[in-house]
PDB file of all heavy atoms in Angstrom:
ATOM      1  N   ILE A   1     103.948  88.651 112.781  1.00  0.00           N
ATOM      2  CA  ILE A   1     104.449  87.310 113.123  1.00  0.00           C
ATOM      3  C   ILE A   1     105.810  87.415 113.809  1.00  0.00           C
ATOM      4  O   ILE A   1     106.103  86.683 114.748  1.00  0.00           O
ATOM      5  CB  ILE A   1     104.508  86.428 111.860  1.00  0.00           C
ATOM      6  CG1 ILE A   1     103.084  86.115 111.393  1.00  0.00           C
ATOM      7  CG2 ILE A   1     105.281  85.142 112.127  1.00  0.00           C
ATOM      8  CD1 ILE A   1     102.993  85.557 109.991  1.00  0.00           C
ATOM      9  N   GLY A   2     106.616  88.346 113.366  1.00  0.00           N
ATOM     10  CA  GLY A   2     107.936  88.533 113.962  1.00  0.00           C
ATOM     11  C   GLY A   2     107.905  89.141 115.352  1.00  0.00           C
ATOM     12  O   GLY A   2     108.881  89.056 116.093  1.00  0.00           O
ATOM     13  N   TYR A   3     106.785  89.756 115.711  1.00  0.00           N
ATOM     14  CA  TYR A   3     106.698  90.439 117.002  1.00  0.00           C
ATOM     15  C   TYR A   3     105.477  89.996 117.802  1.00  0.00           C
ATOM     16  O   TYR A   3     104.708  90.819 118.284  1.00  0.00           O
ATOM     17  CB  TYR A   3     106.712  91.966 116.808  1.00  0.00           C
ATOM     18  CG  TYR A   3     108.030  92.434 116.260  1.00  0.00           C
ATOM     19  CD1 TYR A   3     108.208  92.620 114.906  1.00  0.00           C
ATOM     20  CD2 TYR A   3     109.120  92.629 117.106  1.00  0.00           C
ATOM     21  CE1 TYR A   3     109.435  93.013 114.384  1.00  0.00           C
ATOM     22  CE2 TYR A   3     110.345  93.011 116.604  1.00  0.00           C
ATOM     23  CZ  TYR A   3     110.500  93.206 115.254  1.00  0.00           C
ATOM     24  OH  TYR A   3     111.721  93.586 114.745  1.00  0.00           O
ATOM     25  N   ASP A   4     105.316  88.689 117.892  1.00  0.00           N
ATOM     26  CA  ASP A   4     104.301  88.109 118.777  1.00  0.00           C
ATOM     27  C   ASP A   4     102.879  88.570 118.469  1.00  0.00           C
ATOM     28  O   ASP A   4     102.078  88.787 119.369  1.00  0.00           O
ATOM     29  CB  ASP A   4     104.665  88.434 120.232  1.00  0.00           C
ATOM     30  CG  ASP A   4     104.346  87.299 121.180  1.00  0.00           C
ATOM     31  OD1 ASP A   4     104.167  86.161 120.706  1.00  0.00           O
ATOM     32  OD2 ASP A   4     104.264  87.558 122.388  1.00  0.00           O
ATOM     33  N   GLY A   5     102.592  88.764 117.189  1.00  0.00           N
ATOM     34  CA  GLY A   5     101.242  89.126 116.773  1.00  0.00           C
ATOM     35  C   GLY A   5     100.912  90.596 116.825  1.00  0.00           C
ATOM     36  O   GLY A   5      99.782  90.989 116.586  1.00  0.00           O
ATOM     37  N   LYS A   6     101.899  91.434 117.154  1.00  0.00           N
ATOM     38  CA  LYS A   6     101.667  92.870 117.316  1.00  0.00           C
ATOM     39  C   LYS A   6     102.426  93.659 116.240  1.00  0.00           C
ATOM     40  O   LYS A   6     103.606  93.971 116.407  1.00  0.00           O
ATOM     41  CB  LYS A   6     102.140  93.343 118.696  1.00  0.00           C
ATOM     42  CG  LYS A   6     101.585  92.541 119.847  1.00  0.00           C
ATOM     43  CD  LYS A   6     100.111  92.825 120.066  1.00  0.00           C
ATOM     44  CE  LYS A   6      99.622  92.106 121.302  1.00  0.00           C
ATOM     45  NZ  LYS A   6      98.483  91.264 121.070  1.00  0.00           N
ATOM     46  N   PRO A   7     101.762  94.004 115.137  1.00  0.00           N
ATOM     47  CA  PRO A   7     102.455  94.742 114.079  1.00  0.00           C
ATOM     48  C   PRO A   7     102.716  96.200 114.467  1.00  0.00           C
ATOM     49  O   PRO A   7     101.982  96.779 115.259  1.00  0.00           O
ATOM     50  CB  PRO A   7     101.475  94.665 112.903  1.00  0.00           C
ATOM     51  CG  PRO A   7     100.139  94.455 113.524  1.00  0.00           C
ATOM     52  CD  PRO A   7     100.387  93.688 114.803  1.00  0.00           C
ATOM     53  N   ASN A   8     103.771  96.765 113.898  1.00  0.00           N
ATOM     54  CA  ASN A   8     104.169  98.146 114.162  1.00  0.00           C
ATOM     55  C   ASN A   8     103.979  98.977 112.897  1.00  0.00           C
ATOM     56  O   ASN A   8     104.580  98.687 111.863  1.00  0.00           O
ATOM     57  CB  ASN A   8     105.634  98.171 114.608  1.00  0.00           C
ATOM     58  CG  ASN A   8     106.117  99.562 114.900  1.00  0.00           C
ATOM     59  OD1 ASN A   8     106.327 100.366 113.995  1.00  0.00           O
ATOM     60  ND2 ASN A   8     106.303  99.845 116.171  1.00  0.00           N
ATOM     61  N   VAL A   9     103.153 100.013 112.985  1.00  0.00           N
ATOM     62  CA  VAL A   9     102.829 100.851 111.825  1.00  0.00           C
ATOM     63  C   VAL A   9     104.094 101.438 111.193  1.00  0.00           C
ATOM     64  O   VAL A   9     104.263 101.395 109.972  1.00  0.00           O
ATOM     65  CB  VAL A   9     101.854 101.993 112.227  1.00  0.00           C
ATOM     66  CG1 VAL A   9     101.670 102.978 111.088  1.00  0.00           C
ATOM     67  CG2 VAL A   9     100.515 101.420 112.661  1.00  0.00           C
ATOM     68  N   ASN A  10     104.992 101.979 111.997  1.00  0.00           N
ATOM     69  CA  ASN A  10     106.192 102.634 111.456  1.00  0.00           C
ATOM     70  C   ASN A  10     107.133 101.650 110.768  1.00  0.00           C
ATOM     71  O   ASN A  10     107.731 101.976 109.736  1.00  0.00           O
ATOM     72  CB  ASN A  10     106.929 103.397 112.554  1.00  0.00           C
ATOM     73  CG  ASN A  10     106.134 104.604 113.025  1.00  0.00           C
ATOM     74  OD1 ASN A  10     105.428 105.225 112.253  1.00  0.00           O
ATOM     75  ND2 ASN A  10     106.231 104.902 114.310  1.00  0.00           N
ATOM     76  N   ALA A  11     107.252 100.456 111.320  1.00  0.00           N
ATOM     77  CA  ALA A  11     108.107  99.444 110.689  1.00  0.00           C
ATOM     78  C   ALA A  11     107.538  99.042 109.330  1.00  0.00           C
ATOM     79  O   ALA A  11     108.280  98.908 108.348  1.00  0.00           O
ATOM     80  CB  ALA A  11     108.231  98.227 111.600  1.00  0.00           C
ATOM     81  N   VAL A  12     106.232  98.875 109.279  1.00  0.00           N
ATOM     82  CA  VAL A  12     105.576  98.502 108.023  1.00  0.00           C
ATOM     83  C   VAL A  12     105.706  99.639 107.007  1.00  0.00           C
ATOM     84  O   VAL A  12     106.005  99.400 105.837  1.00  0.00           O
ATOM     85  CB  VAL A  12     104.089  98.144 108.261  1.00  0.00           C
ATOM     86  CG1 VAL A  12     103.364  97.924 106.944  1.00  0.00           C
ATOM     87  CG2 VAL A  12     103.972  96.908 109.150  1.00  0.00           C
ATOM     88  N   LEU A  13     105.518 100.861 107.449  1.00  0.00           N
ATOM     89  CA  LEU A  13     105.650 102.023 106.569  1.00  0.00           C
ATOM     90  C   LEU A  13     107.038 102.040 105.926  1.00  0.00           C
ATOM     91  O   LEU A  13     107.168 102.240 104.715  1.00  0.00           O
ATOM     92  CB  LEU A  13     105.405 103.312 107.355  1.00  0.00           C
ATOM     93  CG  LEU A  13     105.560 104.614 106.590  1.00  0.00           C
ATOM     94  CD1 LEU A  13     104.564 104.718 105.448  1.00  0.00           C
ATOM     95  CD2 LEU A  13     105.411 105.802 107.533  1.00  0.00           C
ATOM     96  N   GLY A  14     108.065 101.794 106.726  1.00  0.00           N
ATOM     97  CA  GLY A  14     109.434 101.764 106.206  1.00  0.00           C
ATOM     98  C   GLY A  14     109.633 100.691 105.149  1.00  0.00           C
ATOM     99  O   GLY A  14     110.260 100.934 104.113  1.00  0.00           O
ATOM    100  N   LYS A  15     109.097  99.503 105.382  1.00  0.00           N
ATOM    101  CA  LYS A  15     109.230  98.399 104.418  1.00  0.00           C
ATOM    102  C   LYS A  15     108.506  98.713 103.110  1.00  0.00           C
ATOM    103  O   LYS A  15     109.026  98.465 102.025  1.00  0.00           O
ATOM    104  CB  LYS A  15     108.666  97.097 105.000  1.00  0.00           C
ATOM    105  CG  LYS A  15     109.464  96.540 106.139  1.00  0.00           C
ATOM    106  CD  LYS A  15     110.730  95.912 105.635  1.00  0.00           C
ATOM    107  CE  LYS A  15     111.431  95.175 106.752  1.00  0.00           C
ATOM    108  NZ  LYS A  15     112.667  94.559 106.307  1.00  0.00           N
ATOM    109  N   VAL A  16     107.286  99.244 103.233  1.00  0.00           N
ATOM    110  CA  VAL A  16     106.497  99.567 102.041  1.00  0.00           C
ATOM    111  C   VAL A  16     107.208 100.653 101.217  1.00  0.00           C
ATOM    112  O   VAL A  16     107.326 100.533  99.997  1.00  0.00           O
ATOM    113  CB  VAL A  16     105.062 100.006 102.426  1.00  0.00           C
ATOM    114  CG1 VAL A  16     104.317 100.564 101.217  1.00  0.00           C
ATOM    115  CG2 VAL A  16     104.287  98.837 103.038  1.00  0.00           C
ATOM    116  N   LEU A  17     107.691 101.693 101.887  1.00  0.00           N
ATOM    117  CA  LEU A  17     108.378 102.773 101.170  1.00  0.00           C
ATOM    118  C   LEU A  17     109.712 102.321 100.577  1.00  0.00           C
ATOM    119  O   LEU A  17     110.122 102.825  99.535  1.00  0.00           O
ATOM    120  CB  LEU A  17     108.585 103.975 102.085  1.00  0.00           C
ATOM    121  CG  LEU A  17     107.310 104.739 102.441  1.00  0.00           C
ATOM    122  CD1 LEU A  17     107.616 105.845 103.452  1.00  0.00           C
ATOM    123  CD2 LEU A  17     106.632 105.318 101.215  1.00  0.00           C
ATOM    124  N   ALA A  18     110.363 101.368 101.219  1.00  0.00           N
ATOM    125  CA  ALA A  18     111.615 100.836 100.672  1.00  0.00           C
ATOM    126  C   ALA A  18     111.348 100.133  99.339  1.00  0.00           C
ATOM    127  O   ALA A  18     112.146 100.231  98.402  1.00  0.00           O
ATOM    128  CB  ALA A  18     112.263  99.878 101.660  1.00  0.00           C
ATOM    129  N   GLU A  19     110.226  99.440  99.238  1.00  0.00           N
ATOM    130  CA  GLU A  19     109.872  98.737  98.007  1.00  0.00           C
ATOM    131  C   GLU A  19     109.280  99.672  96.959  1.00  0.00           C
ATOM    132  O   GLU A  19     109.480  99.461  95.767  1.00  0.00           O
ATOM    133  CB  GLU A  19     108.845  97.629  98.299  1.00  0.00           C
ATOM    134  CG  GLU A  19     109.459  96.311  98.646  1.00  0.00           C
ATOM    135  CD  GLU A  19     108.434  95.200  98.706  1.00  0.00           C
ATOM    136  OE1 GLU A  19     107.648  95.030  97.753  1.00  0.00           O
ATOM    137  OE2 GLU A  19     108.422  94.490  99.727  1.00  0.00           O
ATOM    138  N   HIS A  20     108.518 100.668  97.416  1.00  0.00           N
ATOM    139  CA  HIS A  20     107.829 101.569  96.493  1.00  0.00           C
ATOM    140  C   HIS A  20     107.949 103.026  96.967  1.00  0.00           C
ATOM    141  O   HIS A  20     107.005 103.596  97.504  1.00  0.00           O
ATOM    142  CB  HIS A  20     106.343 101.185  96.379  1.00  0.00           C
ATOM    143  CG  HIS A  20     106.134  99.866  95.732  1.00  0.00           C
ATOM    144  ND1 HIS A  20     106.173  99.691  94.368  1.00  0.00           N
ATOM    145  CD2 HIS A  20     105.918  98.639  96.257  1.00  0.00           C
ATOM    146  CE1 HIS A  20     105.979  98.420  94.081  1.00  0.00           C
ATOM    147  NE2 HIS A  20     105.834  97.755  95.221  1.00  0.00           N
ATOM    148  N   PRO A  21     109.121 103.634  96.745  1.00  0.00           N
ATOM    149  CA  PRO A  21     109.347 105.003  97.212  1.00  0.00           C
ATOM    150  C   PRO A  21     108.379 106.023  96.608  1.00  0.00           C
ATOM    151  O   PRO A  21     108.139 107.073  97.198  1.00  0.00           O
ATOM    152  CB  PRO A  21     110.788 105.307  96.820  1.00  0.00           C
ATOM    153  CG  PRO A  21     111.257 104.184  95.981  1.00  0.00           C
ATOM    154  CD  PRO A  21     110.294 103.063  96.102  1.00  0.00           C
ATOM    155  N   GLU A  22     107.798 105.702  95.474  1.00  0.00           N
ATOM    156  CA  GLU A  22     106.860 106.629  94.840  1.00  0.00           C
ATOM    157  C   GLU A  22     105.594 106.845  95.671  1.00  0.00           C
ATOM    158  O   GLU A  22     104.859 107.808  95.476  1.00  0.00           O
ATOM    159  CB  GLU A  22     106.480 106.151  93.430  1.00  0.00           C
ATOM    160  CG  GLU A  22     105.592 104.920  93.365  1.00  0.00           C
ATOM    161  CD  GLU A  22     106.317 103.581  93.479  1.00  0.00           C
ATOM    162  OE1 GLU A  22     107.537 103.552  93.720  1.00  0.00           O
ATOM    163  OE2 GLU A  22     105.641 102.548  93.341  1.00  0.00           O
ATOM    164  N   LEU A  23     105.340 105.963  96.633  1.00  0.00           N
ATOM    165  CA  LEU A  23     104.161 106.103  97.486  1.00  0.00           C
ATOM    166  C   LEU A  23     104.307 107.238  98.504  1.00  0.00           C
ATOM    167  O   LEU A  23     103.337 107.610  99.159  1.00  0.00           O
ATOM    168  CB  LEU A  23     103.859 104.782  98.206  1.00  0.00           C
ATOM    169  CG  LEU A  23     103.443 103.618  97.301  1.00  0.00           C
ATOM    170  CD1 LEU A  23     103.293 102.336  98.111  1.00  0.00           C
ATOM    171  CD2 LEU A  23     102.155 103.931  96.560  1.00  0.00           C
ATOM    172  N   LYS A  24     105.526 107.797  98.615  1.00  0.00           N
ATOM    173  CA  LYS A  24     105.756 108.920  99.537  1.00  0.00           C
ATOM    174  C   LYS A  24     104.884 110.121  99.197  1.00  0.00           C
ATOM    175  O   LYS A  24     104.574 110.923 100.060  1.00  0.00           O
ATOM    176  CB  LYS A  24     107.222 109.362  99.496  1.00  0.00           C
ATOM    177  CG  LYS A  24     108.132 108.512 100.303  1.00  0.00           C
ATOM    178  CD  LYS A  24     109.528 109.095 100.277  1.00  0.00           C
ATOM    179  CE  LYS A  24     110.491 108.195 101.009  1.00  0.00           C
ATOM    180  NZ  LYS A  24     111.858 108.697 100.955  1.00  0.00           N
ATOM    181  N   LYS A  25     104.494 110.235  97.933  1.00  0.00           N
ATOM    182  CA  LYS A  25     103.746 111.419  97.500  1.00  0.00           C
ATOM    183  C   LYS A  25     102.373 111.522  98.174  1.00  0.00           C
ATOM    184  O   LYS A  25     101.807 112.605  98.240  1.00  0.00           O
ATOM    185  CB  LYS A  25     103.601 111.436  95.979  1.00  0.00           C
ATOM    186  CG  LYS A  25     102.742 110.326  95.427  1.00  0.00           C
ATOM    187  CD  LYS A  25     102.675 110.365  93.925  1.00  0.00           C
ATOM    188  CE  LYS A  25     101.774 109.219  93.488  1.00  0.00           C
ATOM    189  NZ  LYS A  25     102.198 108.528  92.352  1.00  0.00           N
ATOM    190  N   ASP A  26     101.842 110.409  98.671  1.00  0.00           N
ATOM    191  CA  ASP A  26     100.545 110.445  99.347  1.00  0.00           C
ATOM    192  C   ASP A  26     100.645 109.711 100.687  1.00  0.00           C
ATOM    193  O   ASP A  26      99.975 108.718 100.934  1.00  0.00           O
ATOM    194  CB  ASP A  26      99.464 109.819  98.458  1.00  0.00           C
ATOM    195  CG  ASP A  26      98.065 110.188  98.902  1.00  0.00           C
ATOM    196  OD1 ASP A  26      97.929 110.904  99.926  1.00  0.00           O
ATOM    197  OD2 ASP A  26      97.098 109.769  98.243  1.00  0.00           O
ATOM    198  N   MET A  27     101.500 110.260 101.549  1.00  0.00           N
ATOM    199  CA  MET A  27     101.783 109.625 102.835  1.00  0.00           C
ATOM    200  C   MET A  27     100.547 109.486 103.725  1.00  0.00           C
ATOM    201  O   MET A  27     100.371 108.475 104.392  1.00  0.00           O
ATOM    202  CB  MET A  27     102.850 110.414 103.597  1.00  0.00           C
ATOM    203  CG  MET A  27     104.239 110.246 103.041  1.00  0.00           C
ATOM    204  SD  MET A  27     104.917 108.625 103.403  1.00  0.00           S
ATOM    205  CE  MET A  27     105.355 108.855 105.109  1.00  0.00           C
ATOM    206  N   LYS A  28      99.698 110.502 103.724  1.00  0.00           N
ATOM    207  CA  LYS A  28      98.527 110.483 104.589  1.00  0.00           C
ATOM    208  C   LYS A  28      97.630 109.284 104.262  1.00  0.00           C
ATOM    209  O   LYS A  28      97.185 108.562 105.152  1.00  0.00           O
ATOM    210  CB  LYS A  28      97.753 111.790 104.444  1.00  0.00           C
ATOM    211  CG  LYS A  28      96.681 111.985 105.474  1.00  0.00           C
ATOM    212  CD  LYS A  28      96.074 113.372 105.366  1.00  0.00           C
ATOM    213  CE  LYS A  28      95.096 113.587 106.494  1.00  0.00           C
ATOM    214  NZ  LYS A  28      94.570 114.949 106.495  1.00  0.00           N
ATOM    215  N   LYS A  29      97.396 109.071 102.985  1.00  0.00           N
ATOM    216  CA  LYS A  29      96.571 107.939 102.550  1.00  0.00           C
ATOM    217  C   LYS A  29      97.265 106.609 102.877  1.00  0.00           C
ATOM    218  O   LYS A  29      96.627 105.674 103.350  1.00  0.00           O
ATOM    219  CB  LYS A  29      96.306 108.048 101.050  1.00  0.00           C
ATOM    220  CG  LYS A  29      95.422 106.953 100.510  1.00  0.00           C
ATOM    221  CD  LYS A  29      95.184 107.123  99.027  1.00  0.00           C
ATOM    222  CE  LYS A  29      94.388 105.954  98.496  1.00  0.00           C
ATOM    223  NZ  LYS A  29      94.307 105.984  97.027  1.00  0.00           N
ATOM    224  N   LEU A  30      98.560 106.542 102.632  1.00  0.00           N
ATOM    225  CA  LEU A  30      99.328 105.324 102.883  1.00  0.00           C
ATOM    226  C   LEU A  30      99.307 104.957 104.368  1.00  0.00           C
ATOM    227  O   LEU A  30      99.020 103.814 104.727  1.00  0.00           O
ATOM    228  CB  LEU A  30     100.771 105.500 102.397  1.00  0.00           C
ATOM    229  CG  LEU A  30     101.724 104.331 102.635  1.00  0.00           C
ATOM    230  CD1 LEU A  30     101.242 103.074 101.924  1.00  0.00           C
ATOM    231  CD2 LEU A  30     103.128 104.692 102.171  1.00  0.00           C
ATOM    232  N   VAL A  31      99.584 105.920 105.228  1.00  0.00           N
ATOM    233  CA  VAL A  31      99.592 105.668 106.672  1.00  0.00           C
ATOM    234  C   VAL A  31      98.195 105.242 107.139  1.00  0.00           C
ATOM    235  O   VAL A  31      98.052 104.322 107.944  1.00  0.00           O
ATOM    236  CB  VAL A  31     100.096 106.894 107.462  1.00  0.00           C
ATOM    237  CG1 VAL A  31      99.885 106.722 108.955  1.00  0.00           C
ATOM    238  CG2 VAL A  31     101.573 107.132 107.169  1.00  0.00           C
ATOM    239  N   GLY A  32      97.164 105.885 106.602  1.00  0.00           N
ATOM    240  CA  GLY A  32      95.793 105.515 106.962  1.00  0.00           C
ATOM    241  C   GLY A  32      95.476 104.079 106.594  1.00  0.00           C
ATOM    242  O   GLY A  32      94.866 103.339 107.378  1.00  0.00           O
ATOM    243  N   GLU A  33      95.902 103.667 105.413  1.00  0.00           N
ATOM    244  CA  GLU A  33      95.666 102.288 104.956  1.00  0.00           C
ATOM    245  C   GLU A  33      96.446 101.302 105.829  1.00  0.00           C
ATOM    246  O   GLU A  33      95.935 100.248 106.197  1.00  0.00           O
ATOM    247  CB  GLU A  33      96.072 102.155 103.481  1.00  0.00           C
ATOM    248  CG  GLU A  33      95.699 100.841 102.855  1.00  0.00           C
ATOM    249  CD  GLU A  33      94.200 100.614 102.717  1.00  0.00           C
ATOM    250  OE1 GLU A  33      93.428 101.583 102.635  1.00  0.00           O
ATOM    251  OE2 GLU A  33      93.799  99.430 102.692  1.00  0.00           O
ATOM    252  N   ILE A  34      97.686 101.635 106.158  1.00  0.00           N
ATOM    253  CA  ILE A  34      98.496 100.755 107.022  1.00  0.00           C
ATOM    254  C   ILE A  34      97.827 100.630 108.387  1.00  0.00           C
ATOM    255  O   ILE A  34      97.698  99.522 108.916  1.00  0.00           O
ATOM    256  CB  ILE A  34      99.942 101.288 107.157  1.00  0.00           C
ATOM    257  CG1 ILE A  34     100.677 101.153 105.820  1.00  0.00           C
ATOM    258  CG2 ILE A  34     100.693 100.528 108.260  1.00  0.00           C
ATOM    259  CD1 ILE A  34     102.037 101.825 105.777  1.00  0.00           C
ATOM    260  N   GLN A  35      97.368 101.724 108.949  1.00  0.00           N
ATOM    261  CA  GLN A  35      96.721 101.688 110.267  1.00  0.00           C
ATOM    262  C   GLN A  35      95.466 100.820 110.245  1.00  0.00           C
ATOM    263  O   GLN A  35      95.208 100.071 111.186  1.00  0.00           O
ATOM    264  CB  GLN A  35      96.381 103.101 110.738  1.00  0.00           C
ATOM    265  CG  GLN A  35      97.590 103.893 111.132  1.00  0.00           C
ATOM    266  CD  GLN A  35      97.282 105.356 111.436  1.00  0.00           C
ATOM    267  OE1 GLN A  35      96.348 105.932 110.902  1.00  0.00           O
ATOM    268  NE2 GLN A  35      98.100 105.951 112.298  1.00  0.00           N
ATOM    269  N   LYS A  36      94.712 100.925 109.171  1.00  0.00           N
ATOM    270  CA  LYS A  36      93.497 100.129 109.034  1.00  0.00           C
ATOM    271  C   LYS A  36      93.827  98.625 109.019  1.00  0.00           C
ATOM    272  O   LYS A  36      93.217  97.834 109.734  1.00  0.00           O
ATOM    273  CB  LYS A  36      92.767 100.530 107.746  1.00  0.00           C
ATOM    274  CG  LYS A  36      91.389  99.941 107.583  1.00  0.00           C
ATOM    275  CD  LYS A  36      90.677 100.573 106.404  1.00  0.00           C
ATOM    276  CE  LYS A  36      90.817  99.668 105.212  1.00  0.00           C
ATOM    277  NZ  LYS A  36      90.100 100.151 104.021  1.00  0.00           N
ATOM    278  N   ILE A  37      94.826  98.255 108.232  1.00  0.00           N
ATOM    279  CA  ILE A  37      95.212  96.845 108.117  1.00  0.00           C
ATOM    280  C   ILE A  37      95.852  96.359 109.416  1.00  0.00           C
ATOM    281  O   ILE A  37      95.603  95.229 109.856  1.00  0.00           O
ATOM    282  CB  ILE A  37      96.120  96.623 106.886  1.00  0.00           C
ATOM    283  CG1 ILE A  37      95.311  96.917 105.612  1.00  0.00           C
ATOM    284  CG2 ILE A  37      96.679  95.211 106.857  1.00  0.00           C
ATOM    285  CD1 ILE A  37      96.113  96.963 104.338  1.00  0.00           C
ATOM    286  N   VAL A  38      96.658  97.198 110.058  1.00  0.00           N
ATOM    287  CA  VAL A  38      97.253  96.842 111.354  1.00  0.00           C
ATOM    288  C   VAL A  38      96.148  96.546 112.371  1.00  0.00           C
ATOM    289  O   VAL A  38      96.226  95.577 113.128  1.00  0.00           O
ATOM    290  CB  VAL A  38      98.196  97.959 111.865  1.00  0.00           C
ATOM    291  CG1 VAL A  38      98.473  97.820 113.358  1.00  0.00           C
ATOM    292  CG2 VAL A  38      99.511  97.933 111.098  1.00  0.00           C
ATOM    293  N   GLY A  39      95.106  97.360 112.370  1.00  0.00           N
ATOM    294  CA  GLY A  39      93.986  97.140 113.281  1.00  0.00           C
ATOM    295  C   GLY A  39      93.323  95.789 113.065  1.00  0.00           C
ATOM    296  O   GLY A  39      93.017  95.074 114.022  1.00  0.00           O
ATOM    297  N   THR A  40      93.139  95.418 111.809  1.00  0.00           N
ATOM    298  CA  THR A  40      92.521  94.140 111.475  1.00  0.00           C
ATOM    299  C   THR A  40      93.425  92.970 111.855  1.00  0.00           C
ATOM    300  O   THR A  40      92.987  92.005 112.476  1.00  0.00           O
ATOM    301  CB  THR A  40      92.210  94.082 109.959  1.00  0.00           C
ATOM    302  OG1 THR A  40      91.358  95.177 109.625  1.00  0.00           O
ATOM    303  CG2 THR A  40      91.534  92.775 109.582  1.00  0.00           C
ATOM    304  N   VAL A  41      94.689  93.063 111.485  1.00  0.00           N
ATOM    305  CA  VAL A  41      95.641  91.978 111.742  1.00  0.00           C
ATOM    306  C   VAL A  41      95.882  91.797 113.246  1.00  0.00           C
ATOM    307  O   VAL A  41      96.046  90.675 113.721  1.00  0.00           O
ATOM    308  CB  VAL A  41      96.970  92.234 110.978  1.00  0.00           C
ATOM    309  CG1 VAL A  41      98.067  91.290 111.432  1.00  0.00           C
ATOM    310  CG2 VAL A  41      96.735  92.101 109.479  1.00  0.00           C
ATOM    311  N   SER A  42      95.861  92.880 114.000  1.00  0.00           N
ATOM    312  CA  SER A  42      96.083  92.805 115.446  1.00  0.00           C
ATOM    313  C   SER A  42      95.023  91.970 116.152  1.00  0.00           C
ATOM    314  O   SER A  42      95.279  91.403 117.215  1.00  0.00           O
ATOM    315  CB  SER A  42      96.091  94.209 116.056  1.00  0.00           C
ATOM    316  OG  SER A  42      97.199  94.925 115.602  1.00  0.00           O
ATOM    317  N   LYS A  43      93.848  91.892 115.563  1.00  0.00           N
ATOM    318  CA  LYS A  43      92.754  91.127 116.159  1.00  0.00           C
ATOM    319  C   LYS A  43      92.860  89.630 115.870  1.00  0.00           C
ATOM    320  O   LYS A  43      92.142  88.825 116.454  1.00  0.00           O
ATOM    321  CB  LYS A  43      91.414  91.647 115.649  1.00  0.00           C
ATOM    322  CG  LYS A  43      91.130  93.065 116.089  1.00  0.00           C
ATOM    323  CD  LYS A  43      89.861  93.598 115.461  1.00  0.00           C
ATOM    324  CE  LYS A  43      89.688  95.071 115.806  1.00  0.00           C
ATOM    325  NZ  LYS A  43      88.622  95.688 115.028  1.00  0.00           N
TER     326      LYS A  43
END
């Protein structure tokens, strides 16, 4: 919403990790989930 309907994976990753730093232990899974949701929201 802040960027004209185009979410940024890295910005979202930073926000999620800021709230829940313990998620760093499984970054591959986290990034994959963010990418999946970004793909859906972008549409």
